[in-house]
Amino acid sequence: MIISHKIQLNPTAVQEAYFRRACGTVRFTYNWGLARWKELYEAGEKPTAFSLKREFNAIKTEQFPWVAEVSSRCTEYAFTRLGAAFANFFRRVKNGEKELGYPRFKSKRDTHQSFYVANTGLKLDGHWVKIPRLDAPINMAETLRFQGKIMSGVISSYGGRWWLAVAVDVGEVETAVSGPPVGIDLGVKDAAILSTGQVFENQKHLRSELRKLRRLNRELARREKGSQGWYRTKDKLAKLHAQIRNRRTDGIHKMTTAVTKQYGVIGVENLNVRGMMANHHLAQAVGDVGMFEIKRQLTYKAALYGAVVVEVGRWYPSSRLCAACGWKNTELTLTDREWTCPECGCIHDRDVNAAVNIRDEALRIIGAP
């Protein structure tokens, strides 16, 4: 099993200058390949990322000698990304999707830049990492958390900081979690409610920073687009969005790690997050919770720790069913936080009752006693 650990880097001025040259080489190579792809396609040919890489390697020494200042993995990474971009585009065309996402040229003003480091050139030692073409090791904010074979690394920039994403092959899980089953009801008022009654609060990271976001967006709108002031404000906005995302992701990591280490079977609803995000009245609140990210982390961490994640159908009436006797409350509304079952007299907390029903349905799906 391959998992990735993203670590913040603290490079020196010389190291950061190399990072920027490497990212610039990736960007230039990608743009060259995209322009050449369009040119060949218009001429009636069918280019591929591999053929373009071979053509570029044949002329780079003579026409672009400065690419030799960085690792050759940078140009390979650019063509890999170009091939993936066109593969995604053709897949969307085949599926008849509305937004095709034709590959676009990269700009040096993009807030996210990256380059690739192969496993053979990536040497980690505690809080330090060594990469090719740099004599001194680079300081890392923390050590690598996972034990296993290092497969590759990607150094990227976003939110005004540099990051190293290390892909590690941790092998197969030897022992499975033997904990009890649990159901999770994801919501907006609270991020997650377990069938045990444990509640994970919705920290509302985005909502707490809306005032700053609005101020920076107004400032950006007043600037002349493309001016130095416009880019400075844009960078401030990108940093604030990165801080919000990091805080949200940190909270989700702590929650999902605690759940997957403690429970053996985890039931979750198969929510239509994309459809919920299309609702103007719900989009901001749903995005602030990070429902898709919660489910993504639960899935890969369960595989890492030996637990099992079971998806319950989105049309399953988890909130309406009485967890004690199975009676269905067809009159339940979103404003009803508690209700009493007329059949058995059981008083239910709406979210805890839903989580219990999700747990029981997950056990039924896998055929557990």
Protein backbone atom coordinates (compact mmCIF):
# COMPACT_ATOMS: atom_id res chain seq x y z
CA MET A 1 0.00 0.00 0.00
CA ILE A 2 1.41 3.40 -1.03
CA ILE A 3 0.56 6.47 1.04
CA SER A 4 1.85 10.02 0.94
CA HIS A 5 3.10 12.27 3.73
CA LYS A 6 3.30 16.00 3.05
CA ILE A 7 5.93 17.83 5.10
CA GLN A 8 6.66 21.55 5.25
CA LEU A 9 10.18 22.53 4.17
CA ASN A 10 12.32 25.38 5.50
CA PRO A 11 14.77 26.00 2.63
CA THR A 12 17.61 28.51 2.62
CA ALA A 13 17.69 31.31 0.04
CA VAL A 14 19.98 29.25 -2.21
CA GLN A 15 17.75 26.18 -1.93
CA GLU A 16 14.62 28.19 -2.64
CA ALA A 17 16.27 29.67 -5.73
CA TYR A 18 16.91 26.13 -6.98
CA PHE A 19 13.29 25.19 -6.24
CA ARG A 20 12.10 28.08 -8.38
CA ARG A 21 14.44 27.14 -11.26
CA ALA A 22 13.22 23.55 -11.11
CA CYS A 23 9.56 24.63 -11.10
CA GLY A 24 10.31 27.02 -13.97
CA THR A 25 11.85 24.19 -15.98
CA VAL A 26 8.78 22.00 -15.40
CA ARG A 27 6.51 24.87 -16.44
CA PHE A 28 8.52 25.68 -19.59
CA THR A 29 8.71 22.04 -20.66
CA TYR A 30 4.98 21.53 -20.09
CA ASN A 31 4.12 24.62 -22.11
CA TRP A 32 6.49 23.57 -24.91
CA GLY A 33 4.89 20.14 -25.03
CA LEU A 34 1.37 21.57 -25.06
CA ALA A 35 2.18 24.01 -27.87
CA ARG A 36 3.88 21.24 -29.86
CA TRP A 37 0.92 18.91 -29.25
CA LYS A 38 -1.50 21.49 -30.68
CA GLU A 39 0.80 22.09 -33.66
CA LEU A 40 1.08 18.39 -34.52
CA TYR A 41 -2.64 17.77 -34.01
CA GLU A 42 -3.55 20.62 -36.36
CA ALA A 43 -1.18 19.07 -38.92
CA GLY A 44 -3.18 15.81 -38.78
CA GLU A 45 -0.81 13.83 -36.57
CA LYS A 46 -1.54 12.05 -33.29
CA PRO A 47 1.09 13.09 -30.76
CA THR A 48 1.75 11.40 -27.42
CA ALA A 49 3.55 12.54 -24.30
CA PHE A 50 6.27 9.94 -24.95
CA SER A 51 6.93 11.07 -28.54
CA LEU A 52 7.07 14.70 -27.42
CA LYS A 53 9.51 13.86 -24.63
CA ARG A 54 11.78 12.06 -27.09
CA GLU A 55 11.67 15.04 -29.45
CA PHE A 56 12.39 17.49 -26.63
CA ASN A 57 15.35 15.44 -25.35
CA ALA A 58 16.84 15.48 -28.86
CA ILE A 59 16.91 19.30 -29.04
CA LYS A 60 17.22 20.45 -25.43
CA THR A 61 21.03 20.43 -25.32
CA GLU A 62 21.29 22.72 -28.33
CA GLN A 63 18.20 24.92 -27.94
CA PHE A 64 17.57 24.87 -24.17
CA PRO A 65 20.93 24.21 -22.50
CA TRP A 66 19.81 25.86 -19.24
CA VAL A 67 17.52 22.89 -18.43
CA ALA A 68 20.69 21.01 -17.46
CA GLU A 69 20.96 23.27 -14.37
CA VAL A 70 18.26 21.16 -12.69
CA SER A 71 17.57 17.45 -12.45
CA SER A 72 16.46 15.68 -15.63
CA ARG A 73 13.48 14.39 -13.64
CA CYS A 74 11.93 17.85 -13.98
CA THR A 75 11.41 17.51 -17.73
CA GLU A 76 10.19 13.94 -17.38
CA TYR A 77 7.70 15.08 -14.75
CA ALA A 78 6.40 17.79 -17.10
CA PHE A 79 5.61 15.30 -19.86
CA THR A 80 4.04 12.91 -17.35
CA ARG A 81 1.70 15.69 -16.22
CA LEU A 82 0.95 16.64 -19.83
CA GLY A 83 0.05 13.05 -20.68
CA ALA A 84 -2.19 12.81 -17.61
CA ALA A 85 -3.90 16.10 -18.50
CA PHE A 86 -4.77 14.88 -22.00
CA ALA A 87 -5.84 11.48 -20.65
CA ASN A 88 -8.31 13.22 -18.34
CA PHE A 89 -9.51 15.42 -21.20
CA PHE A 90 -10.15 12.46 -23.52
CA ARG A 91 -11.91 10.59 -20.70
CA ARG A 92 -14.29 13.52 -20.16
CA VAL A 93 -14.95 13.72 -23.91
CA LYS A 94 -15.72 9.99 -24.02
CA ASN A 95 -18.08 10.25 -21.04
CA GLY A 96 -19.86 13.24 -22.57
CA GLU A 97 -19.17 15.57 -19.63
CA LYS A 98 -20.00 19.25 -19.95
CA GLU A 99 -16.71 20.56 -18.53
CA LEU A 100 -14.00 18.97 -20.68
CA GLY A 101 -11.02 20.73 -19.13
CA TYR A 102 -8.71 21.01 -22.14
CA PRO A 103 -5.10 21.39 -20.91
CA ARG A 104 -4.03 25.00 -20.43
CA PHE A 105 -0.66 26.72 -20.46
CA LYS A 106 0.99 27.20 -17.06
CA SER A 107 1.94 30.63 -15.74
CA LYS A 108 4.78 31.57 -13.40
CA ARG A 109 2.12 33.46 -11.44
CA ASP A 110 0.22 30.28 -10.62
CA THR A 111 -0.03 29.86 -6.86
CA HIS A 112 0.87 26.15 -7.10
CA GLN A 113 4.20 25.07 -8.59
CA SER A 114 5.93 21.69 -8.26
CA PHE A 115 8.71 19.39 -9.45
CA TYR A 116 9.49 15.70 -9.07
CA VAL A 117 12.28 13.95 -7.16
CA ALA A 118 12.93 10.25 -7.82
CA ASN A 119 13.40 7.81 -4.95
CA THR A 120 17.02 7.24 -5.93
CA GLY A 121 17.80 10.92 -5.29
CA LEU A 122 15.70 11.36 -2.16
CA LYS A 123 17.62 10.82 1.08
CA LEU A 124 15.81 11.44 4.38
CA ASP A 125 17.53 11.60 7.75
CA GLY A 126 15.43 12.85 10.66
CA HIS A 127 14.51 16.48 10.05
CA TRP A 128 16.69 16.73 6.92
CA VAL A 129 16.28 15.68 3.31
CA LYS A 130 18.88 15.57 0.54
CA ILE A 131 17.93 15.95 -3.14
CA PRO A 132 20.08 15.98 -6.33
CA ARG A 133 21.86 19.17 -7.42
CA LEU A 134 21.89 20.63 -3.90
CA ASP A 135 24.95 20.16 -1.72
CA ALA A 136 23.35 21.00 1.63
CA PRO A 137 20.37 19.07 3.05
CA ILE A 138 17.01 20.82 3.39
CA ASN A 139 15.36 21.24 6.77
CA MET A 140 11.96 19.60 7.30
CA ALA A 141 9.41 20.75 9.88
CA GLU A 142 8.84 17.13 11.00
CA THR A 143 10.18 13.66 10.43
CA LEU A 144 8.61 11.10 8.11
CA ARG A 145 5.75 9.41 9.97
CA PHE A 146 5.59 6.17 7.97
CA GLN A 147 8.00 3.27 7.78
CA GLY A 148 8.56 1.59 4.43
CA LYS A 149 10.16 1.95 1.03
CA ILE A 150 10.31 5.52 -0.28
CA MET A 151 8.91 5.54 -3.82
CA SER A 152 9.17 9.19 -4.88
CA GLY A 153 8.80 12.79 -3.78
CA VAL A 154 7.22 15.97 -5.11
CA ILE A 155 8.32 19.41 -3.92
CA SER A 156 5.60 22.02 -4.33
CA SER A 157 4.79 25.58 -3.38
CA TYR A 158 1.41 26.87 -2.22
CA GLY A 159 0.24 29.31 0.39
CA GLY A 160 3.66 30.98 0.47
CA ARG A 161 5.43 27.84 1.74
CA TRP A 162 7.34 24.91 0.29
CA TRP A 163 6.24 21.31 0.85
CA LEU A 164 7.61 17.84 0.24
CA ALA A 165 5.13 15.03 -0.47
CA VAL A 166 6.83 11.68 0.09
CA ALA A 167 5.19 8.53 -1.33
CA VAL A 168 5.93 5.53 0.91
CA ASP A 169 5.14 1.88 0.28
CA VAL A 170 4.16 0.65 3.75
CA GLY A 171 3.38 -2.89 2.58
CA GLU A 172 0.31 -4.95 3.43
CA VAL A 173 -1.58 -4.71 6.73
CA GLU A 174 -0.60 -7.64 8.94
CA THR A 175 -3.24 -7.36 11.66
CA ALA A 176 -6.78 -6.03 11.41
CA VAL A 177 -8.47 -3.76 13.92
CA SER A 178 -10.56 -5.88 16.29
CA GLY A 179 -12.61 -2.99 17.64
CA PRO A 180 -16.41 -2.72 17.66
CA PRO A 181 -18.48 -1.43 14.71
CA VAL A 182 -19.49 2.22 14.45
CA GLY A 183 -21.73 4.35 12.27
CA ILE A 184 -20.92 7.93 11.29
CA ASP A 185 -23.50 10.55 10.42
CA LEU A 186 -21.91 13.51 8.63
CA GLY A 187 -23.62 16.86 9.03
CA VAL A 188 -23.32 20.62 8.92
CA LYS A 189 -24.18 21.55 12.50
CA ASP A 190 -21.59 19.02 13.72
CA ALA A 191 -18.97 17.60 11.39
CA ALA A 192 -19.51 13.99 12.44
CA ILE A 193 -21.64 12.15 15.00
CA LEU A 194 -20.79 8.57 15.93
CA SER A 195 -23.29 5.90 16.89
CA THR A 196 -21.61 5.86 20.30
CA GLY A 197 -22.79 9.43 20.88
CA GLN A 198 -19.37 11.01 20.37
CA VAL A 199 -19.58 14.32 18.53
CA PHE A 200 -16.85 15.95 16.42
CA GLU A 201 -17.54 19.65 16.27
CA ASN A 202 -17.68 21.59 13.04
CA GLN A 203 -14.97 24.19 13.57
CA LYS A 204 -16.28 26.35 10.69
CA HIS A 205 -12.82 27.42 9.59
CA LEU A 206 -14.07 29.16 6.45
CA ARG A 207 -16.90 31.01 8.16
CA SER A 208 -14.57 32.34 10.86
CA GLU A 209 -12.38 33.96 8.18
CA LEU A 210 -15.12 35.30 5.90
CA ARG A 211 -14.53 38.88 7.00
CA LYS A 212 -10.85 38.73 6.01
CA LEU A 213 -11.69 36.96 2.75
CA ARG A 214 -14.24 39.60 1.79
CA ARG A 215 -11.80 42.39 2.58
CA LEU A 216 -9.04 40.85 0.47
CA ASN A 217 -11.44 40.13 -2.39
CA ARG A 218 -12.57 43.77 -2.37
CA GLU A 219 -8.94 44.87 -2.32
CA LEU A 220 -8.16 42.57 -5.25
CA ALA A 221 -11.12 43.95 -7.22
CA ARG A 222 -9.85 47.52 -6.76
CA ARG A 223 -6.38 46.66 -8.06
CA GLU A 224 -5.51 46.82 -11.73
CA LYS A 225 -5.36 43.23 -12.94
CA GLY A 226 -1.80 42.17 -13.71
CA SER A 227 -0.18 44.94 -11.65
CA GLN A 228 2.30 44.26 -8.84
CA GLY A 229 -0.27 45.32 -6.26
CA TRP A 230 -2.81 42.94 -7.78
CA TYR A 231 -0.39 40.02 -7.49
CA ARG A 232 0.54 40.96 -3.90
CA THR A 233 -3.11 40.89 -2.89
CA LYS A 234 -3.66 37.66 -4.80
CA ASP A 235 -0.78 36.07 -2.88
CA LYS A 236 -2.30 37.23 0.43
CA LEU A 237 -5.61 35.68 -0.58
CA ALA A 238 -3.92 32.42 -1.55
CA LYS A 239 -2.10 32.28 1.80
CA LEU A 240 -5.33 32.80 3.73
CA HIS A 241 -7.09 30.06 1.75
CA ALA A 242 -4.13 27.75 2.41
CA GLN A 243 -4.32 28.45 6.17
CA ILE A 244 -8.05 27.67 6.20
CA ARG A 245 -7.52 24.46 4.27
CA ASN A 246 -4.63 23.35 6.47
CA ARG A 247 -6.59 23.90 9.67
CA ARG A 248 -9.58 22.00 8.29
CA THR A 249 -7.43 19.13 7.03
CA ASP A 250 -5.58 18.91 10.35
CA GLY A 251 -8.85 18.50 12.25
CA ILE A 252 -10.10 15.87 9.81
CA HIS A 253 -6.83 13.94 10.09
CA LYS A 254 -7.10 13.80 13.88
CA MET A 255 -10.73 12.66 13.73
CA THR A 256 -10.27 9.99 11.04
CA THR A 257 -7.13 8.60 12.67
CA ALA A 258 -8.91 8.23 16.01
CA VAL A 259 -11.89 6.48 14.39
CA THR A 260 -9.96 4.07 12.16
CA LYS A 261 -7.64 3.03 15.00
CA GLN A 262 -10.51 2.33 17.40
CA TYR A 263 -13.24 0.68 15.30
CA GLY A 264 -13.15 -2.40 13.07
CA VAL A 265 -16.21 -1.74 10.89
CA ILE A 266 -17.07 1.86 9.94
CA GLY A 267 -20.39 2.66 8.30
CA VAL A 268 -20.73 5.90 6.31
CA GLU A 269 -23.38 7.31 4.00
CA ASN A 270 -22.69 7.53 0.28
CA LEU A 271 -23.55 11.22 0.15
CA ASN A 272 -23.96 13.14 -3.10
CA VAL A 273 -21.46 15.83 -2.11
CA ARG A 274 -21.28 17.28 -5.63
CA GLY A 275 -25.05 17.69 -5.70
CA MET A 276 -25.01 19.29 -2.26
CA MET A 277 -22.32 21.72 -3.39
CA ALA A 278 -24.54 22.72 -6.33
CA ASN A 279 -27.12 24.01 -3.83
CA HIS A 280 -26.33 27.70 -3.29
CA HIS A 281 -27.79 27.62 0.23
CA LEU A 282 -25.73 24.60 1.34
CA ALA A 283 -22.49 24.86 -0.63
CA GLN A 284 -20.51 27.02 1.79
CA ALA A 285 -21.51 25.02 4.87
CA VAL A 286 -20.88 21.65 3.19
CA GLY A 287 -17.51 22.79 1.85
CA ASP A 288 -16.53 24.08 5.29
CA VAL A 289 -17.11 20.63 6.81
CA GLY A 290 -15.05 18.80 4.18
CA MET A 291 -17.36 15.78 3.79
CA PHE A 292 -15.56 14.37 0.76
CA GLU A 293 -12.19 14.69 2.52
CA ILE A 294 -13.54 12.91 5.62
CA LYS A 295 -14.68 9.97 3.52
CA ARG A 296 -11.42 9.90 1.52
CA GLN A 297 -9.30 9.81 4.67
CA LEU A 298 -11.47 7.19 6.33
CA THR A 299 -11.13 4.94 3.27
CA TYR A 300 -7.34 4.93 2.99
CA LYS A 301 -6.69 4.95 6.75
CA ALA A 302 -9.04 2.02 7.26
CA ALA A 303 -6.98 0.06 4.73
CA LEU A 304 -3.82 1.19 6.53
CA TYR A 305 -4.97 0.05 9.99
CA GLY A 306 -6.97 -3.00 8.93
CA ALA A 307 -10.47 -1.62 9.43
CA VAL A 308 -13.36 -1.87 6.96
CA VAL A 309 -15.36 1.06 5.59
CA VAL A 310 -18.87 0.18 4.39
CA GLU A 311 -20.89 2.65 2.33
CA VAL A 312 -24.61 2.85 2.98
CA GLY A 313 -26.84 3.92 0.08
CA ARG A 314 -27.66 7.60 -0.08
CA TRP A 315 -31.40 6.87 -0.18
CA TYR A 316 -31.33 4.85 3.02
CA PRO A 317 -33.64 6.73 5.49
CA SER A 318 -31.19 6.69 8.40
CA SER A 319 -32.68 9.73 10.16
CA ARG A 320 -36.32 8.63 9.78
CA LEU A 321 -36.05 5.06 11.08
CA CYS A 322 -36.36 4.30 14.77
CA ALA A 323 -33.18 2.48 15.71
CA ALA A 324 -35.05 0.55 18.42
CA CYS A 325 -38.08 -0.85 16.57
CA GLY A 326 -37.66 0.18 12.91
CA TRP A 327 -40.74 2.44 12.67
CA LYS A 328 -40.37 5.09 9.94
CA ASN A 329 -41.09 8.73 10.74
CA THR A 330 -42.28 10.15 7.42
CA GLU A 331 -43.09 13.55 8.98
CA LEU A 332 -39.52 14.28 10.11
CA THR A 333 -38.13 17.64 8.93
CA LEU A 334 -34.66 19.18 8.99
CA THR A 335 -35.61 21.39 11.94
CA ASP A 336 -36.50 18.39 14.13
CA ARG A 337 -33.41 17.65 16.21
CA GLU A 338 -35.20 15.21 18.54
CA TRP A 339 -38.25 13.02 18.07
CA THR A 340 -40.17 10.35 19.94
CA CYS A 341 -41.14 7.05 18.34
CA PRO A 342 -44.94 6.51 18.76
CA GLU A 343 -44.49 2.74 18.49
CA CYS A 344 -41.95 2.07 21.24
CA GLY A 345 -41.76 5.46 22.97
CA CYS A 346 -37.99 5.75 22.45
CA ILE A 347 -36.70 9.36 22.43
CA HIS A 348 -34.13 9.91 19.68
CA ASP A 349 -31.45 12.48 19.04
CA ARG A 350 -31.76 12.88 15.28
CA ASP A 351 -28.05 12.56 14.46
CA VAL A 352 -27.18 9.80 16.93
CA ASN A 353 -30.19 7.78 15.77
CA ALA A 354 -29.05 8.17 12.15
CA ALA A 355 -25.53 7.03 13.06
CA VAL A 356 -26.89 3.93 14.83
CA ASN A 357 -29.01 3.05 11.79
CA ILE A 358 -25.99 3.54 9.50
CA ARG A 359 -23.96 1.19 11.71
CA ASP A 360 -26.67 -1.49 11.66
CA GLU A 361 -27.15 -1.18 7.89
CA ALA A 362 -23.39 -1.47 7.34
CA LEU A 363 -23.32 -4.68 9.39
CA ARG A 364 -26.26 -6.03 7.37
CA ILE A 365 -24.47 -5.24 4.09
CA ILE A 366 -21.36 -7.20 5.03
CA GLY A 367 -23.43 -10.00 6.57
CA ALA A 368 -22.07 -9.56 10.07
CA PRO A 369 -24.08 -11.13 12.92
